[in-house]
Structure formats: C-alpha cells, structure tokens
Amino acid sequence: MSLLVYYTSVSSSREVKKQQSKIFSYLDSKKIAYKTLDISQSSEIKDEMRKKTGDPTSLPPQIFHGDTYCGDYSMFDTALEDETVEAFLKL
C-alpha cells in the first residue's frame, strides 16, 4: 500500500497551496513514495475524497495510507511538530 494525497491544482487560497507544498516537500525530502489525486480534475474525485474522510465539506489536502484515512493538513502539521509523522502516515 502507498500513500495517497488528495490535492487541488486550482485554488485561489494561498493557505491551501502552502499546505499542499509543505506536505509534498516533506514526503519528497524523506523519499516517501506517494500518489496524488487532483480533485479539481473531476467532481467525482472530490466526492470520493469527501466520502472517504466522512466529511461532506472536507477540503484538500487529505492524506490516506491505502484506504486508511491518516488526516488533513492540521493533523499532519501536529504530527510534524510532535515528530510522529511516520506513525501518522501509518508507515
């Protein structure tokens, strides 16, 4: 199983872009393999992300390990501060 990050390539929010960039930079720096799904490409992908998170209003970025939900950016950031990212990512 690999990591899956739902993100958006089209956003007017600087905050969302910054959050996504921080996640991708971390994963790349640690050489952690991941796949991405761009919710701006299809409403079906966005609906899938929201269904999997259990929140009909969830926004990207959202992180999964296989089908297991890891969390959103705020949860990732907390894990980063607590130095528990590997546990958060279920690696």
N, C-alpha and C. Protein backbone atom coordinates (compact mmCIF):
# COMPACT_ATOMS: atom_id res chain seq x y z
N MET A 1 0.83 -1.19 0.00
CA MET A 1 0.00 0.00 0.00
C MET A 1 0.87 1.25 0.00
N SER A 2 0.37 2.28 -0.65
CA SER A 2 1.13 3.51 -0.69
C SER A 2 0.28 4.67 -0.19
N LEU A 3 0.95 5.79 0.01
CA LEU A 3 0.25 6.99 0.44
C LEU A 3 -0.48 7.61 -0.74
N LEU A 4 -1.60 8.20 -0.44
CA LEU A 4 -2.40 8.90 -1.43
C LEU A 4 -2.74 10.27 -0.86
N VAL A 5 -2.43 11.31 -1.63
CA VAL A 5 -2.71 12.67 -1.19
C VAL A 5 -3.70 13.29 -2.17
N TYR A 6 -4.85 13.65 -1.65
CA TYR A 6 -5.82 14.40 -2.45
C TYR A 6 -5.41 15.87 -2.35
N TYR A 7 -5.32 16.52 -3.50
CA TYR A 7 -4.92 17.92 -3.53
C TYR A 7 -5.70 18.62 -4.63
N THR A 8 -5.47 19.91 -4.78
CA THR A 8 -6.06 20.64 -5.89
C THR A 8 -5.00 21.46 -6.60
N SER A 9 -5.01 21.42 -7.90
CA SER A 9 -4.07 22.22 -8.68
C SER A 9 -4.66 23.60 -8.97
N VAL A 10 -5.93 23.78 -8.66
CA VAL A 10 -6.61 25.05 -8.91
C VAL A 10 -7.21 25.53 -7.58
N SER A 11 -6.58 26.56 -7.02
CA SER A 11 -7.09 27.12 -5.77
C SER A 11 -6.69 28.58 -5.68
N SER A 12 -7.60 29.39 -5.23
CA SER A 12 -7.27 30.80 -5.01
C SER A 12 -6.73 31.02 -3.61
N SER A 13 -6.73 29.97 -2.81
CA SER A 13 -6.27 30.06 -1.43
C SER A 13 -4.76 29.84 -1.33
N ARG A 14 -4.06 30.87 -0.89
CA ARG A 14 -2.61 30.71 -0.67
C ARG A 14 -2.34 29.67 0.41
N GLU A 15 -3.23 29.64 1.40
CA GLU A 15 -3.06 28.71 2.52
C GLU A 15 -3.09 27.26 2.05
N VAL A 16 -4.05 26.91 1.19
CA VAL A 16 -4.15 25.54 0.67
C VAL A 16 -2.90 25.20 -0.13
N LYS A 17 -2.45 26.11 -0.97
CA LYS A 17 -1.25 25.87 -1.77
C LYS A 17 -0.03 25.66 -0.87
N LYS A 18 0.07 26.47 0.19
CA LYS A 18 1.19 26.35 1.13
C LYS A 18 1.14 25.01 1.87
N GLN A 19 -0.06 24.61 2.28
CA GLN A 19 -0.21 23.34 2.99
C GLN A 19 0.18 22.17 2.10
N GLN A 20 -0.32 22.18 0.88
CA GLN A 20 0.00 21.09 -0.06
C GLN A 20 1.50 21.04 -0.32
N SER A 21 2.09 22.20 -0.53
CA SER A 21 3.53 22.26 -0.80
C SER A 21 4.34 21.71 0.37
N LYS A 22 3.92 22.03 1.58
CA LYS A 22 4.64 21.55 2.77
C LYS A 22 4.57 20.02 2.87
N ILE A 23 3.40 19.46 2.59
CA ILE A 23 3.25 18.00 2.62
C ILE A 23 4.13 17.36 1.55
N PHE A 24 4.03 17.85 0.32
CA PHE A 24 4.81 17.28 -0.77
C PHE A 24 6.32 17.42 -0.53
N SER A 25 6.74 18.56 -0.01
CA SER A 25 8.16 18.78 0.29
C SER A 25 8.66 17.80 1.34
N TYR A 26 7.85 17.60 2.37
CA TYR A 26 8.24 16.66 3.43
C TYR A 26 8.38 15.25 2.86
N LEU A 27 7.36 14.80 2.14
CA LEU A 27 7.38 13.44 1.59
C LEU A 27 8.55 13.25 0.63
N ASP A 28 8.80 14.25 -0.21
CA ASP A 28 9.92 14.17 -1.16
C ASP A 28 11.26 14.14 -0.43
N SER A 29 11.40 14.98 0.60
CA SER A 29 12.68 15.04 1.33
C SER A 29 12.98 13.74 2.06
N LYS A 30 11.94 13.04 2.50
CA LYS A 30 12.12 11.77 3.20
C LYS A 30 12.07 10.58 2.25
N LYS A 31 11.94 10.88 0.94
CA LYS A 31 11.87 9.84 -0.10
C LYS A 31 10.74 8.83 0.17
N ILE A 32 9.61 9.36 0.60
CA ILE A 32 8.42 8.54 0.86
C ILE A 32 7.57 8.56 -0.40
N ALA A 33 7.31 7.38 -0.94
CA ALA A 33 6.52 7.28 -2.18
C ALA A 33 5.07 7.63 -1.90
N TYR A 34 4.48 8.35 -2.84
CA TYR A 34 3.06 8.72 -2.70
C TYR A 34 2.47 8.95 -4.08
N LYS A 35 1.16 8.86 -4.12
CA LYS A 35 0.41 9.17 -5.33
C LYS A 35 -0.46 10.38 -5.02
N THR A 36 -0.84 11.09 -6.06
CA THR A 36 -1.70 12.26 -5.88
C THR A 36 -2.96 12.11 -6.72
N LEU A 37 -4.04 12.66 -6.20
CA LEU A 37 -5.29 12.77 -6.94
C LEU A 37 -5.73 14.23 -6.86
N ASP A 38 -5.92 14.83 -8.03
CA ASP A 38 -6.29 16.23 -8.12
C ASP A 38 -7.81 16.36 -8.16
N ILE A 39 -8.39 16.91 -7.09
CA ILE A 39 -9.86 16.99 -7.02
C ILE A 39 -10.42 18.02 -8.00
N SER A 40 -9.57 18.89 -8.53
CA SER A 40 -10.06 19.89 -9.48
C SER A 40 -10.27 19.29 -10.87
N GLN A 41 -9.83 18.07 -11.07
CA GLN A 41 -9.98 17.41 -12.36
C GLN A 41 -11.36 16.80 -12.55
N SER A 42 -12.02 16.50 -11.44
CA SER A 42 -13.32 15.83 -11.53
C SER A 42 -14.08 15.97 -10.22
N SER A 43 -15.36 16.23 -10.32
CA SER A 43 -16.17 16.31 -9.10
C SER A 43 -16.30 14.93 -8.47
N GLU A 44 -16.14 13.87 -9.28
CA GLU A 44 -16.19 12.51 -8.73
C GLU A 44 -15.02 12.26 -7.78
N ILE A 45 -13.85 12.79 -8.13
CA ILE A 45 -12.68 12.62 -7.27
C ILE A 45 -12.90 13.38 -5.96
N LYS A 46 -13.45 14.59 -6.05
CA LYS A 46 -13.75 15.38 -4.85
C LYS A 46 -14.78 14.67 -3.98
N ASP A 47 -15.82 14.13 -4.61
CA ASP A 47 -16.85 13.40 -3.87
C ASP A 47 -16.27 12.16 -3.21
N GLU A 48 -15.37 11.47 -3.91
CA GLU A 48 -14.70 10.28 -3.36
C GLU A 48 -13.89 10.65 -2.13
N MET A 49 -13.13 11.76 -2.22
CA MET A 49 -12.32 12.21 -1.09
C MET A 49 -13.21 12.51 0.11
N ARG A 50 -14.30 13.23 -0.13
CA ARG A 50 -15.19 13.60 0.96
C ARG A 50 -15.88 12.39 1.58
N LYS A 51 -16.22 11.42 0.75
CA LYS A 51 -16.84 10.20 1.26
C LYS A 51 -15.84 9.43 2.13
N LYS A 52 -14.59 9.33 1.66
CA LYS A 52 -13.57 8.59 2.39
C LYS A 52 -13.19 9.26 3.71
N THR A 53 -13.27 10.61 3.75
CA THR A 53 -12.95 11.31 5.01
C THR A 53 -14.13 11.30 5.97
N GLY A 54 -15.33 11.04 5.43
CA GLY A 54 -16.52 11.06 6.27
C GLY A 54 -17.01 12.47 6.56
N ASP A 55 -16.52 13.43 5.78
CA ASP A 55 -16.90 14.83 5.98
C ASP A 55 -17.31 15.43 4.63
N PRO A 56 -18.58 15.76 4.46
CA PRO A 56 -19.05 16.27 3.17
C PRO A 56 -18.52 17.67 2.82
N THR A 57 -17.79 18.29 3.73
CA THR A 57 -17.24 19.61 3.46
C THR A 57 -15.70 19.63 3.48
N SER A 58 -15.07 18.46 3.58
CA SER A 58 -13.61 18.44 3.69
C SER A 58 -12.95 19.03 2.45
N LEU A 59 -11.83 19.68 2.70
CA LEU A 59 -11.05 20.33 1.65
C LEU A 59 -9.67 19.71 1.58
N PRO A 60 -9.01 19.80 0.44
CA PRO A 60 -7.66 19.27 0.33
C PRO A 60 -6.68 20.17 1.09
N PRO A 61 -5.54 19.65 1.47
CA PRO A 61 -5.07 18.29 1.23
C PRO A 61 -5.60 17.30 2.27
N GLN A 62 -5.80 16.07 1.82
CA GLN A 62 -6.23 14.97 2.67
C GLN A 62 -5.29 13.80 2.39
N ILE A 63 -4.86 13.10 3.43
CA ILE A 63 -3.85 12.05 3.27
C ILE A 63 -4.42 10.70 3.69
N PHE A 64 -4.14 9.69 2.86
CA PHE A 64 -4.56 8.32 3.11
C PHE A 64 -3.38 7.39 2.95
N HIS A 65 -3.39 6.31 3.71
CA HIS A 65 -2.46 5.21 3.50
C HIS A 65 -3.30 4.05 3.02
N GLY A 66 -3.26 3.81 1.72
CA GLY A 66 -4.19 2.86 1.13
C GLY A 66 -5.58 3.40 1.31
N ASP A 67 -6.47 2.62 1.91
CA ASP A 67 -7.84 3.06 2.16
C ASP A 67 -8.01 3.63 3.56
N THR A 68 -6.93 3.65 4.34
CA THR A 68 -6.99 4.13 5.71
C THR A 68 -6.73 5.64 5.76
N TYR A 69 -7.66 6.36 6.35
CA TYR A 69 -7.55 7.81 6.46
C TYR A 69 -6.50 8.18 7.50
N CYS A 70 -5.51 8.97 7.10
CA CYS A 70 -4.50 9.47 8.03
C CYS A 70 -4.93 10.79 8.64
N GLY A 71 -5.36 11.73 7.77
CA GLY A 71 -5.81 13.01 8.28
C GLY A 71 -5.65 14.13 7.28
N ASP A 72 -5.93 15.33 7.76
CA ASP A 72 -5.82 16.53 6.93
C ASP A 72 -4.52 17.26 7.27
N TYR A 73 -4.38 18.46 6.75
CA TYR A 73 -3.13 19.20 6.96
C TYR A 73 -2.88 19.50 8.43
N SER A 74 -3.90 19.93 9.16
CA SER A 74 -3.67 20.30 10.57
C SER A 74 -3.18 19.09 11.37
N MET A 75 -3.68 17.91 11.04
CA MET A 75 -3.23 16.70 11.73
C MET A 75 -1.79 16.36 11.32
N PHE A 76 -1.47 16.56 10.05
CA PHE A 76 -0.11 16.34 9.56
C PHE A 76 0.85 17.30 10.26
N ASP A 77 0.46 18.57 10.36
CA ASP A 77 1.30 19.59 10.98
C ASP A 77 1.55 19.27 12.46
N THR A 78 0.52 18.80 13.14
CA THR A 78 0.68 18.41 14.54
C THR A 78 1.66 17.25 14.67
N ALA A 79 1.53 16.27 13.77
CA ALA A 79 2.45 15.12 13.78
C ALA A 79 3.88 15.58 13.49
N LEU A 80 4.03 16.56 12.63
CA LEU A 80 5.35 17.09 12.30
C LEU A 80 5.96 17.75 13.53
N GLU A 81 5.18 18.55 14.22
CA GLU A 81 5.66 19.21 15.45
C GLU A 81 5.99 18.21 16.54
N ASP A 82 5.19 17.13 16.63
CA ASP A 82 5.40 16.11 17.66
C ASP A 82 6.41 15.05 17.25
N GLU A 83 6.94 15.18 16.02
CA GLU A 83 7.89 14.21 15.45
C GLU A 83 7.31 12.80 15.42
N THR A 84 6.02 12.72 15.03
CA THR A 84 5.34 11.42 14.94
C THR A 84 4.75 11.21 13.54
N VAL A 85 5.41 11.78 12.53
CA VAL A 85 4.87 11.73 11.17
C VAL A 85 4.77 10.31 10.66
N GLU A 86 5.77 9.48 10.93
CA GLU A 86 5.71 8.09 10.44
C GLU A 86 4.51 7.35 11.02
N ALA A 87 4.23 7.56 12.28
CA ALA A 87 3.05 6.93 12.89
C ALA A 87 1.77 7.52 12.28
N PHE A 88 1.76 8.83 12.09
CA PHE A 88 0.60 9.48 11.48
C PHE A 88 0.33 8.92 10.08
N LEU A 89 1.39 8.72 9.31
CA LEU A 89 1.26 8.19 7.94
C LEU A 89 1.07 6.67 7.91
N LYS A 90 1.13 6.04 9.09
CA LYS A 90 0.97 4.59 9.22
C LYS A 90 2.02 3.84 8.41
N LEU A 91 3.27 4.30 8.53
CA LEU A 91 4.38 3.66 7.82
C LEU A 91 5.08 2.65 8.70
